[in-house]
Amino acid sequence: MSAQYIAQHKDEWANFKEFVWDAMPFPCKITYKSLTGMRSISQNALFHMWMSQMATEFTKKGFPLTADEAKQLMKHEFLGYTDIKIGSTEIKGQLKHTSSLDTGEMSMFMDKIDCWNVDKGVFLIKPQDSEYMTYKEAQTK
C-alpha cells in the first residue's frame, strides 16, 4: 500500500499522525520530503559557476579538469545513475540530471559538492545574496 499526505503548515502535524494511524498498515515506512519547486535558475547558475571554479582550482593544483568534467564527476559522486526509457528502448546507467531535482535536493547536492571541495582544499565562492545561501540560512533557523 502506498499513501501520500501533503502538509502545508506545521500545525497540521496532528492531522498527519491521525492519517498515519488510520491509513497506514504497520509496520510502515514514512519518508519525509520537503515540498518545494524544481531547482532554481539561481541555484543552477551558482552550480555552473562552482564547476568553472573547480576546473580552475584543480588545474592550478596539477589536476587538469574542465568545467564539464567537474560537472560529470560531481554528478557521478553524489547524484548517481538512472535508466532512461525512450519508446521501447532502455538506456541503462545514465548520470542523473540536476534538472530533475527540487530546490531542497539541489541544495543538498550543492552541500555535498562544497564539503567535497573543502576536503580537497578548494573553497567555493558562495555569494551571500545567492538563493543557495538563503536556503542554507533558513535551515539553521
Protein backbone atom coordinates (compact mmCIF):
# COMPACT_ATOMS: atom_id res chain seq x y z
CA MET A 1 0.00 0.00 0.00
CA SER A 2 1.19 3.49 -0.76
CA ALA A 3 -0.29 6.73 0.53
CA GLN A 4 0.64 10.37 0.36
CA TYR A 5 -0.09 13.19 2.79
CA ILE A 6 0.82 16.77 1.95
CA ALA A 7 1.01 19.23 4.84
CA GLN A 8 1.08 22.94 4.11
CA HIS A 9 1.67 24.10 7.71
CA LYS A 10 3.36 22.78 10.84
CA ASP A 11 0.06 22.89 12.73
CA GLU A 12 -1.16 20.02 10.54
CA TRP A 13 1.08 17.58 12.46
CA ALA A 14 -1.89 16.22 14.44
CA ASN A 15 -3.76 15.52 11.21
CA PHE A 16 -0.70 13.73 9.84
CA LYS A 17 -0.45 11.47 12.91
CA GLU A 18 -4.14 10.61 12.55
CA PHE A 19 -3.65 9.93 8.83
CA VAL A 20 -0.78 7.54 9.55
CA TRP A 21 -2.68 5.80 12.33
CA ASP A 22 -5.80 5.30 10.20
CA ALA A 23 -4.38 4.80 6.73
CA MET A 24 -1.05 3.03 7.07
CA PRO A 25 -0.56 -0.64 7.87
CA PHE A 26 2.08 -1.34 10.49
CA PRO A 27 4.96 -1.75 10.24
CA CYS A 28 5.30 1.05 7.71
CA LYS A 29 7.99 3.30 6.29
CA ILE A 30 7.48 7.06 6.38
CA THR A 31 9.59 9.20 4.08
CA TYR A 32 9.77 12.96 4.61
CA LYS A 33 10.33 15.19 1.60
CA SER A 34 10.14 18.95 1.60
CA LEU A 35 7.55 20.19 -0.86
CA THR A 36 9.41 22.73 -2.95
CA GLY A 37 9.65 23.71 -6.58
CA MET A 38 12.22 22.50 -9.05
CA ARG A 39 15.80 23.70 -8.71
CA SER A 40 16.02 27.38 -9.41
CA ILE A 41 17.83 29.27 -12.12
CA SER A 42 19.89 30.91 -9.35
CA GLN A 43 20.96 27.52 -7.95
CA ASN A 44 21.81 26.27 -11.43
CA ALA A 45 23.88 29.38 -12.18
CA LEU A 46 25.84 29.01 -8.92
CA PHE A 47 26.35 25.30 -9.60
CA HIS A 48 27.86 26.09 -13.02
CA MET A 49 30.00 28.86 -11.50
CA TRP A 50 31.31 26.29 -9.00
CA MET A 51 32.14 23.84 -11.80
CA SER A 52 34.20 26.54 -13.53
CA GLN A 53 35.92 27.41 -10.26
CA MET A 54 36.69 23.73 -9.62
CA ALA A 55 38.18 23.41 -13.10
CA THR A 56 40.42 26.43 -12.48
CA GLU A 57 41.49 25.40 -8.96
CA PHE A 58 42.18 21.74 -9.71
CA THR A 59 44.07 22.62 -12.89
CA LYS A 60 46.26 25.01 -10.82
CA LYS A 61 46.92 22.14 -8.40
CA GLY A 62 48.18 19.97 -11.26
CA PHE A 63 45.00 18.01 -11.91
CA PRO A 64 43.71 19.23 -15.30
CA LEU A 65 39.92 19.44 -15.24
CA THR A 66 37.32 21.15 -17.41
CA ALA A 67 34.06 22.57 -16.07
CA ASP A 68 32.14 19.83 -17.91
CA GLU A 69 34.38 17.13 -16.39
CA ALA A 70 33.84 18.65 -12.93
CA LYS A 71 30.08 18.53 -13.52
CA GLN A 72 30.20 14.89 -14.62
CA LEU A 73 32.42 13.98 -11.64
CA MET A 74 30.11 15.63 -9.10
CA LYS A 75 27.03 14.01 -10.61
CA HIS A 76 28.82 10.65 -10.52
CA GLU A 77 29.87 11.14 -6.89
CA PHE A 78 26.62 12.48 -5.48
CA LEU A 79 23.63 12.01 -7.81
CA GLY A 80 24.23 8.58 -9.25
CA TYR A 81 22.73 6.88 -12.25
CA THR A 82 19.34 6.08 -13.69
CA ASP A 83 17.94 4.12 -16.62
CA ILE A 84 16.21 6.12 -19.34
CA LYS A 85 13.41 4.73 -21.46
CA ILE A 86 12.76 6.14 -24.92
CA GLY A 87 9.88 4.33 -26.53
CA SER A 88 10.73 0.64 -26.25
CA THR A 89 14.47 1.32 -25.91
CA GLU A 90 16.04 1.40 -22.46
CA ILE A 91 19.39 3.10 -21.96
CA LYS A 92 20.94 1.88 -18.73
CA GLY A 93 23.27 3.68 -16.36
CA GLN A 94 22.89 7.33 -17.37
CA LEU A 95 24.01 10.07 -14.99
CA LYS A 96 21.07 11.75 -13.30
CA HIS A 97 20.31 15.33 -14.32
CA THR A 98 20.14 18.26 -11.91
CA SER A 99 17.03 19.43 -13.76
CA SER A 100 15.10 16.63 -12.03
CA LEU A 101 16.00 17.97 -8.54
CA ASP A 102 13.79 20.23 -6.46
CA THR A 103 15.28 23.21 -4.63
CA GLY A 104 15.90 21.24 -1.44
CA GLU A 105 17.54 18.33 -3.27
CA MET A 106 19.68 20.74 -5.29
CA SER A 107 20.80 22.47 -2.09
CA MET A 108 21.75 19.12 -0.54
CA PHE A 109 23.64 18.19 -3.72
CA MET A 110 25.48 21.51 -3.57
CA ASP A 111 26.25 21.00 0.14
CA LYS A 112 27.93 17.69 -0.73
CA ILE A 113 29.92 19.36 -3.51
CA ASP A 114 31.01 22.12 -1.15
CA CYS A 115 32.17 19.64 1.54
CA TRP A 116 33.96 17.50 -1.05
CA ASN A 117 35.85 20.56 -2.28
CA VAL A 118 36.75 21.73 1.23
CA ASP A 119 38.24 18.27 1.85
CA LYS A 120 40.39 18.83 -1.25
CA GLY A 121 41.44 22.33 -0.19
CA VAL A 122 39.18 24.17 -2.62
CA PHE A 123 36.89 26.80 -1.11
CA LEU A 124 33.97 27.54 -3.42
CA ILE A 125 32.57 31.04 -3.74
CA LYS A 126 29.21 31.42 -2.00
CA PRO A 127 27.68 34.85 -2.62
CA GLN A 128 25.71 35.94 0.46
CA ASP A 129 22.81 37.12 -1.70
CA SER A 130 22.51 33.79 -3.54
CA GLU A 131 19.42 31.63 -3.22
CA TYR A 132 21.69 28.80 -2.07
CA MET A 133 22.88 30.82 0.95
CA THR A 134 19.33 32.00 1.67
CA TYR A 135 18.21 28.35 1.74
CA LYS A 136 21.14 27.36 3.99
CA GLU A 137 20.41 30.18 6.43
CA ALA A 138 16.72 29.21 6.57
CA GLN A 139 17.74 25.65 7.50
CA THR A 140 19.62 26.88 10.57
CA LYS A 141 16.68 28.86 11.97
